[in-house]
Amino acid sequence: MKIKAILTGATGMVGEGVLHECLNHPDVESVLVLGRKPCGISHSKLSEILHSDFFDISSIAGKLSGYNACFFCLGVTSVGLKEAEFFKLTNTLTLNVARTLSELNPEMTFGYISAAFADNTEKGKTMWARVKGKTENDLMKLPFKQVYIFRPGYLHPTPGLLNQLSYYKYITWMYPLLKLMTPNHVSTLKELGLAMIHSVTKGYSKNILEVKDIKALAKE
């Protein structure tokens, strides 16, 4: 099975890492990056659509059919945001794009980057976890072929990529220790990218993938 994927968030650390794995994987035929600004990468498999408003993608919907995967890596931190604003940027935005894609591509596998400890009971005390959990639940109600939720913990960056978060330069030295002491909370960005690719080509027994599932699927 050859993957024709739409990818969001390519100018962030996670999206760039997933895109890197896609461009170097033989099972990925093409990647359409949907973003607000250029990702700065040139590759024979890669094309881009620049669009400023993800709350209204009607003007580009005609260019989004014919794909069998979406790797949704776009996200914002909740730091400094009130719940209504975080909800809009996390749930409303994601669901707007996802609904359009589900209508255009019913055979699509949709992969969503969530976070460890997301709360899909939607009743917990932690705001960001409730919002992430509701977003997970709402996505799984859409008529895609499959929806997979990826909940990474600490992600060790891929060497040589450009969009590593600035504070990572202070903490990457801890990776061997974290891997030894908390293996179920630590993975590499490469493993996450491979797991997302394999979710399309191989499938997985669970719709919500914690770190141990991400690492297991990456190895398949």
N, C-alpha and C. Protein backbone atom coordinates (compact mmCIF):
# COMPACT_ATOMS: atom_id res chain seq x y z
N MET A 1 0.84 -1.19 0.00
CA MET A 1 0.00 0.00 0.00
C MET A 1 0.88 1.25 0.00
N LYS A 2 0.63 2.14 -0.94
CA LYS A 2 1.37 3.38 -1.01
C LYS A 2 0.55 4.50 -0.35
N ILE A 3 1.22 5.30 0.44
CA ILE A 3 0.56 6.37 1.19
C ILE A 3 0.63 7.67 0.41
N LYS A 4 -0.54 8.31 0.29
CA LYS A 4 -0.62 9.69 -0.18
C LYS A 4 -1.17 10.48 0.99
N ALA A 5 -0.33 11.28 1.63
CA ALA A 5 -0.66 11.87 2.91
C ALA A 5 -0.79 13.38 2.84
N ILE A 6 -1.68 13.89 3.67
CA ILE A 6 -1.73 15.31 4.00
C ILE A 6 -1.12 15.46 5.38
N LEU A 7 -0.25 16.45 5.56
CA LEU A 7 0.41 16.64 6.84
C LEU A 7 0.29 18.09 7.27
N THR A 8 -0.05 18.32 8.52
CA THR A 8 -0.10 19.67 9.09
C THR A 8 0.97 19.80 10.17
N GLY A 9 1.37 21.03 10.44
CA GLY A 9 2.33 21.28 11.51
C GLY A 9 3.77 21.08 11.12
N ALA A 10 4.09 21.17 9.82
CA ALA A 10 5.44 20.86 9.35
C ALA A 10 6.49 21.84 9.81
N THR A 11 6.08 23.03 10.26
CA THR A 11 7.07 24.00 10.75
C THR A 11 7.31 23.87 12.25
N GLY A 12 6.67 22.90 12.89
CA GLY A 12 6.93 22.60 14.29
C GLY A 12 7.86 21.40 14.42
N MET A 13 8.35 21.16 15.61
CA MET A 13 9.30 20.07 15.81
C MET A 13 8.70 18.71 15.46
N VAL A 14 7.49 18.45 15.94
CA VAL A 14 6.88 17.15 15.72
C VAL A 14 6.53 16.96 14.25
N GLY A 15 5.86 17.95 13.67
CA GLY A 15 5.48 17.82 12.27
C GLY A 15 6.67 17.68 11.34
N GLU A 16 7.73 18.44 11.61
CA GLU A 16 8.93 18.33 10.80
C GLU A 16 9.53 16.93 10.90
N GLY A 17 9.52 16.38 12.12
CA GLY A 17 10.07 15.04 12.31
C GLY A 17 9.26 13.98 11.59
N VAL A 18 7.93 14.08 11.65
CA VAL A 18 7.07 13.12 10.96
C VAL A 18 7.24 13.28 9.44
N LEU A 19 7.31 14.51 8.98
CA LEU A 19 7.53 14.75 7.55
C LEU A 19 8.85 14.14 7.10
N HIS A 20 9.88 14.28 7.89
CA HIS A 20 11.20 13.72 7.56
C HIS A 20 11.10 12.21 7.35
N GLU A 21 10.39 11.53 8.23
CA GLU A 21 10.23 10.07 8.09
C GLU A 21 9.42 9.73 6.85
N CYS A 22 8.40 10.52 6.57
CA CYS A 22 7.58 10.27 5.38
C CYS A 22 8.39 10.39 4.10
N LEU A 23 9.18 11.43 4.01
CA LEU A 23 9.94 11.67 2.79
C LEU A 23 11.02 10.62 2.56
N ASN A 24 11.42 9.94 3.63
CA ASN A 24 12.46 8.92 3.52
C ASN A 24 11.93 7.50 3.58
N HIS A 25 10.62 7.34 3.57
CA HIS A 25 10.03 6.00 3.69
C HIS A 25 9.53 5.52 2.34
N PRO A 26 9.86 4.29 1.95
CA PRO A 26 9.46 3.79 0.62
C PRO A 26 7.96 3.61 0.44
N ASP A 27 7.22 3.48 1.54
CA ASP A 27 5.77 3.28 1.42
C ASP A 27 5.00 4.60 1.26
N VAL A 28 5.68 5.72 1.38
CA VAL A 28 5.03 7.02 1.22
C VAL A 28 5.31 7.53 -0.19
N GLU A 29 4.24 7.65 -0.96
CA GLU A 29 4.36 8.08 -2.36
C GLU A 29 4.43 9.60 -2.47
N SER A 30 3.60 10.29 -1.67
CA SER A 30 3.58 11.75 -1.76
C SER A 30 3.06 12.34 -0.46
N VAL A 31 3.46 13.57 -0.20
CA VAL A 31 3.01 14.30 0.99
C VAL A 31 2.60 15.71 0.57
N LEU A 32 1.39 16.08 0.94
CA LEU A 32 0.92 17.44 0.76
C LEU A 32 0.96 18.12 2.11
N VAL A 33 1.82 19.11 2.25
CA VAL A 33 1.91 19.87 3.49
C VAL A 33 0.90 21.01 3.43
N LEU A 34 0.04 21.05 4.42
CA LEU A 34 -0.95 22.12 4.54
C LEU A 34 -0.49 23.02 5.68
N GLY A 35 -0.12 24.25 5.36
CA GLY A 35 0.43 25.12 6.39
C GLY A 35 0.17 26.59 6.13
N ARG A 36 0.52 27.39 7.13
CA ARG A 36 0.36 28.84 7.01
C ARG A 36 1.58 29.50 6.38
N LYS A 37 2.73 28.85 6.50
CA LYS A 37 3.95 29.39 5.92
C LYS A 37 4.77 28.24 5.35
N PRO A 38 5.69 28.51 4.44
CA PRO A 38 6.47 27.44 3.81
C PRO A 38 7.25 26.63 4.84
N CYS A 39 7.34 25.33 4.59
CA CYS A 39 8.07 24.47 5.52
C CYS A 39 9.58 24.53 5.28
N GLY A 40 10.00 25.09 4.15
CA GLY A 40 11.42 25.26 3.88
C GLY A 40 12.13 24.01 3.41
N ILE A 41 11.36 23.03 2.95
CA ILE A 41 11.94 21.76 2.49
C ILE A 41 11.58 21.55 1.03
N SER A 42 12.55 21.08 0.26
CA SER A 42 12.31 20.74 -1.14
C SER A 42 12.56 19.25 -1.33
N HIS A 43 11.57 18.57 -1.93
CA HIS A 43 11.70 17.12 -2.13
C HIS A 43 10.74 16.70 -3.23
N SER A 44 11.11 15.69 -3.98
CA SER A 44 10.28 15.25 -5.10
C SER A 44 8.92 14.72 -4.66
N LYS A 45 8.81 14.24 -3.43
CA LYS A 45 7.53 13.73 -2.92
C LYS A 45 6.63 14.84 -2.35
N LEU A 46 7.20 16.01 -2.18
CA LEU A 46 6.55 17.05 -1.37
C LEU A 46 5.89 18.13 -2.23
N SER A 47 4.66 18.47 -1.84
CA SER A 47 3.99 19.66 -2.37
C SER A 47 3.37 20.40 -1.19
N GLU A 48 3.04 21.68 -1.40
CA GLU A 48 2.53 22.50 -0.31
C GLU A 48 1.32 23.31 -0.75
N ILE A 49 0.41 23.51 0.20
CA ILE A 49 -0.64 24.50 0.06
C ILE A 49 -0.51 25.46 1.24
N LEU A 50 -0.34 26.72 0.95
CA LEU A 50 -0.27 27.73 2.01
C LEU A 50 -1.66 28.34 2.17
N HIS A 51 -2.13 28.33 3.42
CA HIS A 51 -3.48 28.82 3.70
C HIS A 51 -3.47 29.45 5.08
N SER A 52 -3.98 30.65 5.18
CA SER A 52 -3.84 31.41 6.43
C SER A 52 -4.88 31.08 7.48
N ASP A 53 -6.03 30.55 7.08
CA ASP A 53 -7.15 30.38 8.01
C ASP A 53 -7.64 28.94 8.02
N PHE A 54 -7.21 28.18 9.01
CA PHE A 54 -7.62 26.79 9.11
C PHE A 54 -9.05 26.64 9.64
N PHE A 55 -9.66 27.75 10.05
CA PHE A 55 -11.06 27.70 10.47
C PHE A 55 -12.00 27.75 9.27
N ASP A 56 -11.46 28.05 8.10
CA ASP A 56 -12.24 28.05 6.87
C ASP A 56 -11.33 27.59 5.74
N ILE A 57 -11.47 26.33 5.37
CA ILE A 57 -10.64 25.78 4.30
C ILE A 57 -11.47 25.49 3.05
N SER A 58 -12.64 26.09 2.97
CA SER A 58 -13.52 25.83 1.83
C SER A 58 -12.87 26.20 0.50
N SER A 59 -12.04 27.24 0.49
CA SER A 59 -11.44 27.69 -0.77
C SER A 59 -10.38 26.74 -1.30
N ILE A 60 -9.87 25.85 -0.46
CA ILE A 60 -8.85 24.89 -0.91
C ILE A 60 -9.35 23.46 -0.88
N ALA A 61 -10.61 23.26 -0.52
CA ALA A 61 -11.14 21.90 -0.36
C ALA A 61 -11.00 21.09 -1.65
N GLY A 62 -11.12 21.75 -2.80
CA GLY A 62 -11.00 21.04 -4.06
C GLY A 62 -9.64 20.42 -4.31
N LYS A 63 -8.64 20.82 -3.53
CA LYS A 63 -7.28 20.29 -3.70
C LYS A 63 -6.94 19.21 -2.67
N LEU A 64 -7.92 18.84 -1.85
CA LEU A 64 -7.63 17.95 -0.71
C LEU A 64 -8.21 16.55 -0.86
N SER A 65 -8.69 16.20 -2.04
CA SER A 65 -9.22 14.86 -2.25
C SER A 65 -8.16 13.97 -2.90
N GLY A 66 -8.36 12.66 -2.78
CA GLY A 66 -7.43 11.70 -3.37
C GLY A 66 -6.32 11.27 -2.45
N TYR A 67 -6.47 11.52 -1.15
CA TYR A 67 -5.45 11.15 -0.15
C TYR A 67 -5.99 10.05 0.76
N ASN A 68 -5.09 9.17 1.21
CA ASN A 68 -5.51 8.07 2.07
C ASN A 68 -4.96 8.17 3.49
N ALA A 69 -4.30 9.28 3.81
CA ALA A 69 -3.78 9.47 5.16
C ALA A 69 -3.70 10.96 5.48
N CYS A 70 -3.90 11.26 6.76
CA CYS A 70 -3.61 12.59 7.27
C CYS A 70 -2.82 12.43 8.56
N PHE A 71 -1.70 13.11 8.64
CA PHE A 71 -0.90 13.15 9.86
C PHE A 71 -1.04 14.55 10.44
N PHE A 72 -1.91 14.68 11.42
CA PHE A 72 -2.25 16.00 11.96
C PHE A 72 -1.34 16.30 13.14
N CYS A 73 -0.31 17.07 12.87
CA CYS A 73 0.73 17.37 13.86
C CYS A 73 0.67 18.81 14.34
N LEU A 74 -0.37 19.52 13.96
CA LEU A 74 -0.51 20.92 14.34
C LEU A 74 -1.08 21.02 15.75
N GLY A 75 -0.48 21.86 16.58
CA GLY A 75 -0.98 22.03 17.94
C GLY A 75 -0.35 23.25 18.60
N VAL A 76 -0.96 23.66 19.70
CA VAL A 76 -0.44 24.80 20.46
C VAL A 76 -0.32 24.40 21.93
N THR A 77 0.53 25.09 22.64
CA THR A 77 0.63 24.88 24.08
C THR A 77 -0.51 25.62 24.78
N SER A 78 -0.92 25.08 25.90
CA SER A 78 -1.99 25.73 26.68
C SER A 78 -1.45 26.83 27.58
N VAL A 79 -0.13 26.94 27.69
CA VAL A 79 0.48 27.93 28.58
C VAL A 79 0.05 29.34 28.18
N GLY A 80 -0.54 30.06 29.13
CA GLY A 80 -0.96 31.43 28.90
C GLY A 80 -2.31 31.58 28.22
N LEU A 81 -2.97 30.47 27.92
CA LEU A 81 -4.26 30.54 27.25
C LEU A 81 -5.40 30.18 28.20
N LYS A 82 -6.51 30.87 28.07
CA LYS A 82 -7.71 30.48 28.78
C LYS A 82 -8.37 29.33 28.04
N GLU A 83 -9.27 28.63 28.74
CA GLU A 83 -9.84 27.41 28.17
C GLU A 83 -10.54 27.66 26.83
N ALA A 84 -11.30 28.74 26.71
CA ALA A 84 -12.05 29.00 25.48
C ALA A 84 -11.11 29.16 24.29
N GLU A 85 -10.00 29.86 24.50
CA GLU A 85 -9.05 30.07 23.42
C GLU A 85 -8.31 28.79 23.06
N PHE A 86 -7.90 28.03 24.08
CA PHE A 86 -7.21 26.76 23.83
C PHE A 86 -8.15 25.79 23.13
N PHE A 87 -9.43 25.78 23.53
CA PHE A 87 -10.42 24.91 22.90
C PHE A 87 -10.56 25.26 21.42
N LYS A 88 -10.63 26.55 21.12
CA LYS A 88 -10.79 26.97 19.73
C LYS A 88 -9.60 26.54 18.88
N LEU A 89 -8.38 26.73 19.40
CA LEU A 89 -7.18 26.42 18.64
C LEU A 89 -6.86 24.93 18.59
N THR A 90 -7.45 24.17 19.50
CA THR A 90 -7.17 22.74 19.56
C THR A 90 -8.32 21.92 18.99
N ASN A 91 -9.51 22.07 19.54
CA ASN A 91 -10.64 21.28 19.11
C ASN A 91 -11.30 21.84 17.85
N THR A 92 -11.72 23.10 17.91
CA THR A 92 -12.48 23.68 16.80
C THR A 92 -11.68 23.64 15.50
N LEU A 93 -10.43 24.06 15.55
CA LEU A 93 -9.59 24.09 14.36
C LEU A 93 -9.38 22.67 13.81
N THR A 94 -9.00 21.75 14.68
CA THR A 94 -8.73 20.37 14.25
C THR A 94 -9.96 19.74 13.63
N LEU A 95 -11.10 19.89 14.29
CA LEU A 95 -12.33 19.26 13.80
C LEU A 95 -12.79 19.89 12.49
N ASN A 96 -12.54 21.17 12.31
CA ASN A 96 -12.91 21.81 11.05
C ASN A 96 -12.17 21.19 9.88
N VAL A 97 -10.87 21.00 10.03
CA VAL A 97 -10.08 20.36 8.98
C VAL A 97 -10.48 18.90 8.83
N ALA A 98 -10.63 18.20 9.94
CA ALA A 98 -10.91 16.76 9.89
C ALA A 98 -12.26 16.46 9.25
N ARG A 99 -13.27 17.26 9.55
CA ARG A 99 -14.59 17.01 8.94
C ARG A 99 -14.53 17.15 7.43
N THR A 100 -13.84 18.17 6.96
CA THR A 100 -13.70 18.36 5.52
C THR A 100 -13.00 17.17 4.89
N LEU A 101 -11.91 16.72 5.51
CA LEU A 101 -11.15 15.60 4.96
C LEU A 101 -11.96 14.31 4.99
N SER A 102 -12.76 14.10 6.02
CA SER A 102 -13.57 12.87 6.09
C SER A 102 -14.63 12.84 5.00
N GLU A 103 -15.15 14.00 4.63
CA GLU A 103 -16.13 14.07 3.55
C GLU A 103 -15.48 13.82 2.19
N LEU A 104 -14.28 14.32 2.01
CA LEU A 104 -13.59 14.19 0.73
C LEU A 104 -12.89 12.85 0.55
N ASN A 105 -12.45 12.26 1.68
CA ASN A 105 -11.62 11.05 1.62
C ASN A 105 -12.10 10.02 2.64
N PRO A 106 -13.22 9.35 2.39
CA PRO A 106 -13.76 8.41 3.38
C PRO A 106 -12.87 7.21 3.65
N GLU A 107 -11.92 6.93 2.75
CA GLU A 107 -10.99 5.82 2.96
C GLU A 107 -9.69 6.27 3.63
N MET A 108 -9.71 7.46 4.19
CA MET A 108 -8.51 8.02 4.82
C MET A 108 -8.31 7.48 6.23
N THR A 109 -7.05 7.25 6.58
CA THR A 109 -6.65 7.00 7.97
C THR A 109 -6.15 8.33 8.54
N PHE A 110 -6.75 8.73 9.66
CA PHE A 110 -6.43 10.03 10.26
C PHE A 110 -5.63 9.80 11.53
N GLY A 111 -4.42 10.34 11.57
CA GLY A 111 -3.57 10.23 12.74
C GLY A 111 -3.44 11.57 13.43
N TYR A 112 -3.74 11.60 14.72
CA TYR A 112 -3.75 12.87 15.47
C TYR A 112 -2.73 12.83 16.59
N ILE A 113 -1.87 13.83 16.65
CA ILE A 113 -0.92 13.95 17.75
C ILE A 113 -1.61 14.61 18.93
N SER A 114 -1.86 13.84 19.96
CA SER A 114 -2.46 14.34 21.19
C SER A 114 -1.34 14.51 22.22
N ALA A 115 -1.51 14.01 23.41
CA ALA A 115 -0.47 14.13 24.43
C ALA A 115 -0.71 13.09 25.51
N ALA A 116 0.37 12.66 26.16
CA ALA A 116 0.24 11.77 27.31
C ALA A 116 -0.66 12.43 28.35
N PHE A 117 -1.49 11.62 28.97
CA PHE A 117 -2.40 12.04 30.04
C PHE A 117 -3.59 12.86 29.54
N ALA A 118 -3.85 12.84 28.24
CA ALA A 118 -5.09 13.43 27.76
C ALA A 118 -6.26 12.72 28.44
N ASP A 119 -7.31 13.48 28.71
CA ASP A 119 -8.42 12.98 29.52
C ASP A 119 -9.68 12.83 28.66
N ASN A 120 -9.89 11.61 28.14
CA ASN A 120 -11.07 11.45 27.29
C ASN A 120 -12.34 11.12 28.07
N THR A 121 -12.28 11.24 29.42
CA THR A 121 -13.53 11.29 30.18
C THR A 121 -14.14 12.68 30.08
N GLU A 122 -13.29 13.66 29.74
CA GLU A 122 -13.65 15.08 29.60
C GLU A 122 -14.12 15.71 30.91
N LYS A 123 -13.79 15.05 32.05
CA LYS A 123 -14.31 15.52 33.34
C LYS A 123 -13.21 15.87 34.35
N GLY A 124 -11.96 15.70 33.97
CA GLY A 124 -10.88 15.94 34.92
C GLY A 124 -10.67 17.41 35.23
N LYS A 125 -9.79 17.68 36.18
CA LYS A 125 -9.54 19.05 36.62
C LYS A 125 -8.56 19.81 35.74
N THR A 126 -7.77 19.08 34.94
CA THR A 126 -6.74 19.73 34.13
C THR A 126 -7.32 20.17 32.80
N MET A 127 -7.30 21.48 32.56
CA MET A 127 -7.97 22.05 31.39
C MET A 127 -7.47 21.46 30.09
N TRP A 128 -6.15 21.50 29.86
CA TRP A 128 -5.62 21.05 28.58
C TRP A 128 -5.93 19.58 28.33
N ALA A 129 -5.92 18.78 29.39
CA ALA A 129 -6.17 17.35 29.24
C ALA A 129 -7.62 17.09 28.85
N ARG A 130 -8.55 17.86 29.43
CA ARG A 130 -9.96 17.73 29.05
C ARG A 130 -10.17 18.09 27.59
N VAL A 131 -9.56 19.19 27.16
CA VAL A 131 -9.74 19.64 25.78
C VAL A 131 -9.14 18.64 24.80
N LYS A 132 -7.95 18.16 25.11
CA LYS A 132 -7.34 17.14 24.25
C LYS A 132 -8.20 15.88 24.21
N GLY A 133 -8.72 15.49 25.37
CA GLY A 133 -9.56 14.29 25.43
C GLY A 133 -10.83 14.43 24.61
N LYS A 134 -11.47 15.59 24.70
CA LYS A 134 -12.67 15.81 23.90
C LYS A 134 -12.34 15.80 22.41
N THR A 135 -11.21 16.38 22.06
CA THR A 135 -10.80 16.38 20.65
C THR A 135 -10.59 14.95 20.17
N GLU A 136 -9.95 14.12 20.97
CA GLU A 136 -9.80 12.71 20.63
C GLU A 136 -11.17 12.06 20.39
N ASN A 137 -12.09 12.26 21.32
CA ASN A 137 -13.42 11.65 21.22
C ASN A 137 -14.16 12.12 19.98
N ASP A 138 -14.08 13.43 19.71
CA ASP A 138 -14.79 13.98 18.55
C ASP A 138 -14.21 13.44 17.24
N LEU A 139 -12.90 13.31 17.17
CA LEU A 139 -12.29 12.78 15.96
C LEU A 139 -12.71 11.34 15.69
N MET A 140 -12.84 10.55 16.74
CA MET A 140 -13.17 9.14 16.55
C MET A 140 -14.63 8.92 16.15
N LYS A 141 -15.42 9.98 16.18
CA LYS A 141 -16.80 9.89 15.71
C LYS A 141 -16.94 10.17 14.22
N LEU A 142 -15.88 10.68 13.61
CA LEU A 142 -15.94 11.04 12.20
C LEU A 142 -15.82 9.79 11.31
N PRO A 143 -16.40 9.85 10.11
CA PRO A 143 -16.45 8.66 9.25
C PRO A 143 -15.19 8.42 8.43
N PHE A 144 -14.05 8.38 9.09
CA PHE A 144 -12.82 7.97 8.44
C PHE A 144 -12.75 6.44 8.39
N LYS A 145 -11.85 5.93 7.57
CA LYS A 145 -11.58 4.49 7.59
C LYS A 145 -11.06 4.08 8.96
N GLN A 146 -10.11 4.86 9.48
CA GLN A 146 -9.55 4.63 10.80
C GLN A 146 -9.11 5.97 11.38
N VAL A 147 -9.19 6.08 12.70
CA VAL A 147 -8.61 7.21 13.43
C VAL A 147 -7.68 6.64 14.48
N TYR A 148 -6.45 7.13 14.50
CA TYR A 148 -5.49 6.73 15.51
C TYR A 148 -5.03 7.98 16.27
N ILE A 149 -5.07 7.88 17.58
CA ILE A 149 -4.65 8.96 18.47
C ILE A 149 -3.28 8.59 19.04
N PHE A 150 -2.32 9.46 18.84
CA PHE A 150 -0.96 9.22 19.34
C PHE A 150 -0.70 10.12 20.54
N ARG A 151 -0.32 9.49 21.65
CA ARG A 151 -0.08 10.22 22.89
C ARG A 151 1.39 10.12 23.30
N PRO A 152 2.27 10.86 22.66
CA PRO A 152 3.68 10.79 23.03
C PRO A 152 3.94 11.48 24.36
N GLY A 153 5.00 11.05 25.01
CA GLY A 153 5.50 11.74 26.20
C GLY A 153 6.69 12.59 25.79
N TYR A 154 7.84 12.35 26.42
CA TYR A 154 9.05 13.04 25.98
C TYR A 154 9.45 12.48 24.62
N LEU A 155 9.66 13.37 23.66
CA LEU A 155 10.09 12.99 22.32
C LEU A 155 11.53 13.42 22.10
N HIS A 156 12.41 12.46 21.88
CA HIS A 156 13.80 12.80 21.61
C HIS A 156 13.92 13.24 20.16
N PRO A 157 14.46 14.44 19.91
CA PRO A 157 14.45 14.99 18.56
C PRO A 157 15.34 14.22 17.59
N THR A 158 15.02 14.37 16.32
CA THR A 158 15.81 13.78 15.25
C THR A 158 16.99 14.69 14.93
N PRO A 159 18.21 14.19 14.98
CA PRO A 159 19.38 15.03 14.72
C PRO A 159 19.32 15.68 13.35
N GLY A 160 19.73 16.94 13.28
CA GLY A 160 19.86 17.63 12.01
C GLY A 160 18.64 18.39 11.54
N LEU A 161 17.51 18.23 12.22
CA LEU A 161 16.32 18.96 11.81
C LEU A 161 16.33 20.37 12.39
N LEU A 162 15.53 21.25 11.80
CA LEU A 162 15.65 22.67 12.08
C LEU A 162 14.78 23.19 13.21
N ASN A 163 13.66 22.53 13.47
CA ASN A 163 12.64 23.13 14.33
C ASN A 163 12.58 22.55 15.73
N GLN A 164 13.70 22.10 16.22
CA GLN A 164 13.76 21.61 17.60
C GLN A 164 13.41 22.74 18.56
N LEU A 165 12.57 22.44 19.54
CA LEU A 165 12.20 23.45 20.53
C LEU A 165 13.44 23.94 21.26
N SER A 166 13.49 25.24 21.53
CA SER A 166 14.71 25.86 22.04
C SER A 166 15.19 25.27 23.36
N TYR A 167 14.23 24.91 24.23
CA TYR A 167 14.65 24.41 25.54
C TYR A 167 15.20 22.99 25.48
N TYR A 168 15.02 22.32 24.35
CA TYR A 168 15.52 20.95 24.24
C TYR A 168 17.04 20.87 24.37
N LYS A 169 17.72 21.95 24.01
CA LYS A 169 19.18 21.91 24.11
C LYS A 169 19.65 21.76 25.55
N TYR A 170 18.77 22.04 26.49
CA TYR A 170 19.12 21.91 27.90
C TYR A 170 18.73 20.55 28.50
N ILE A 171 17.91 19.78 27.77
CA ILE A 171 17.38 18.55 28.38
C ILE A 171 17.68 17.27 27.60
N THR A 172 18.16 17.39 26.35
CA THR A 172 18.37 16.17 25.57
C THR A 172 19.43 15.26 26.19
N TRP A 173 20.33 15.82 26.97
CA TRP A 173 21.35 14.99 27.61
C TRP A 173 20.74 13.99 28.58
N MET A 174 19.48 14.25 29.01
CA MET A 174 18.82 13.37 29.96
C MET A 174 18.19 12.14 29.31
N TYR A 175 18.16 12.11 27.97
CA TYR A 175 17.44 11.05 27.27
C TYR A 175 17.85 9.63 27.68
N PRO A 176 19.16 9.29 27.73
CA PRO A 176 19.52 7.92 28.13
C PRO A 176 19.00 7.56 29.52
N LEU A 177 19.02 8.53 30.44
CA LEU A 177 18.54 8.29 31.79
C LEU A 177 17.03 8.11 31.81
N LEU A 178 16.32 8.97 31.10
CA LEU A 178 14.85 8.86 31.03
C LEU A 178 14.44 7.55 30.38
N LYS A 179 15.15 7.17 29.34
CA LYS A 179 14.84 5.92 28.65
C LYS A 179 15.01 4.72 29.57
N LEU A 180 16.00 4.80 30.44
CA LEU A 180 16.26 3.70 31.38
C LEU A 180 15.24 3.68 32.52
N MET A 181 14.91 4.85 33.05
CA MET A 181 14.09 4.92 34.26
C MET A 181 12.59 4.96 33.97
N THR A 182 12.20 5.57 32.86
CA THR A 182 10.77 5.70 32.53
C THR A 182 10.54 5.34 31.06
N PRO A 183 10.80 4.09 30.68
CA PRO A 183 10.73 3.72 29.25
C PRO A 183 9.35 3.90 28.63
N ASN A 184 8.30 3.86 29.43
CA ASN A 184 6.94 4.00 28.90
C ASN A 184 6.50 5.44 28.75
N HIS A 185 7.42 6.37 28.99
CA HIS A 185 7.11 7.78 28.82
C HIS A 185 8.07 8.48 27.85
N VAL A 186 8.93 7.70 27.20
CA VAL A 186 9.98 8.28 26.36
C VAL A 186 10.05 7.53 25.03
N SER A 187 10.09 8.29 23.96
CA SER A 187 10.32 7.70 22.64
C SER A 187 11.07 8.72 21.79
N THR A 188 11.47 8.31 20.61
CA THR A 188 12.12 9.23 19.69
C THR A 188 11.09 9.77 18.70
N LEU A 189 11.41 10.90 18.14
CA LEU A 189 10.56 11.47 17.10
C LEU A 189 10.54 10.55 15.88
N LYS A 190 11.63 9.88 15.61
CA LYS A 190 11.68 8.91 14.53
C LYS A 190 10.67 7.78 14.76
N GLU A 191 10.61 7.28 16.00
CA GLU A 191 9.65 6.22 16.31
C GLU A 191 8.21 6.69 16.11
N LEU A 192 7.93 7.92 16.50
CA LEU A 192 6.59 8.46 16.31
C LEU A 192 6.24 8.53 14.83
N GLY A 193 7.16 9.03 14.01
CA GLY A 193 6.91 9.11 12.57
C GLY A 193 6.68 7.75 11.95
N LEU A 194 7.50 6.78 12.32
CA LEU A 194 7.35 5.43 11.78
C LEU A 194 6.03 4.81 12.23
N ALA A 195 5.65 5.05 13.48
CA ALA A 195 4.38 4.50 13.97
C ALA A 195 3.19 5.08 13.20
N MET A 196 3.25 6.36 12.89
CA MET A 196 2.16 6.98 12.13
C MET A 196 2.08 6.39 10.73
N ILE A 197 3.22 6.18 10.10
CA ILE A 197 3.24 5.56 8.78
C ILE A 197 2.69 4.14 8.85
N HIS A 198 3.14 3.38 9.82
CA HIS A 198 2.71 1.98 9.94
C HIS A 198 1.24 1.86 10.32
N SER A 199 0.69 2.88 10.98
CA SER A 199 -0.74 2.83 11.30
C SER A 199 -1.58 2.79 10.03
N VAL A 200 -1.06 3.39 8.97
CA VAL A 200 -1.78 3.39 7.68
C VAL A 200 -1.56 2.07 6.95
N THR A 201 -0.33 1.59 6.91
CA THR A 201 -0.01 0.42 6.09
C THR A 201 -0.29 -0.90 6.81
N LYS A 202 -0.21 -0.92 8.14
CA LYS A 202 -0.34 -2.15 8.89
C LYS A 202 -1.53 -2.16 9.85
N GLY A 203 -1.97 -0.98 10.28
CA GLY A 203 -3.02 -0.91 11.28
C GLY A 203 -2.49 -1.22 12.67
N TYR A 204 -3.37 -1.08 13.65
CA TYR A 204 -2.98 -1.40 15.03
C TYR A 204 -4.22 -1.81 15.80
N SER A 205 -4.02 -2.55 16.86
CA SER A 205 -5.14 -3.13 17.61
C SER A 205 -5.85 -2.11 18.50
N LYS A 206 -5.23 -0.96 18.73
CA LYS A 206 -5.83 0.07 19.57
C LYS A 206 -5.95 1.37 18.78
N ASN A 207 -6.96 2.14 19.09
CA ASN A 207 -7.11 3.45 18.46
C ASN A 207 -6.33 4.54 19.18
N ILE A 208 -6.11 4.35 20.49
CA ILE A 208 -5.32 5.29 21.27
C ILE A 208 -3.98 4.65 21.59
N LEU A 209 -2.92 5.26 21.11
CA LEU A 209 -1.59 4.69 21.28
C LEU A 209 -0.79 5.49 22.29
N GLU A 210 -0.50 4.85 23.41
CA GLU A 210 0.40 5.43 24.40
C GLU A 210 1.84 5.19 23.92
N VAL A 211 2.81 5.65 24.71
CA VAL A 211 4.21 5.57 24.28
C VAL A 211 4.63 4.13 23.97
N LYS A 212 4.25 3.19 24.82
CA LYS A 212 4.65 1.80 24.56
C LYS A 212 4.06 1.27 23.26
N ASP A 213 2.86 1.72 22.92
CA ASP A 213 2.24 1.31 21.67
C ASP A 213 2.94 1.97 20.48
N ILE A 214 3.30 3.23 20.63
CA ILE A 214 4.02 3.94 19.57
C ILE A 214 5.33 3.22 19.24
N LYS A 215 6.06 2.81 20.28
CA LYS A 215 7.33 2.14 20.05
C LYS A 215 7.12 0.76 19.44
N ALA A 216 6.07 0.08 19.88
CA ALA A 216 5.80 -1.25 19.31
C ALA A 216 5.42 -1.16 17.84
N LEU A 217 4.57 -0.22 17.49
CA LEU A 217 4.14 -0.08 16.10
C LEU A 217 5.28 0.39 15.21
N ALA A 218 6.17 1.20 15.76
CA ALA A 218 7.32 1.68 14.99
C ALA A 218 8.22 0.53 14.54
N LYS A 219 8.27 -0.53 15.33
CA LYS A 219 9.15 -1.67 15.04
C LYS A 219 8.56 -2.62 14.01
N GLU A 220 7.26 -2.55 13.74
CA GLU A 220 6.61 -3.53 12.88
C GLU A 220 7.04 -3.36 11.42
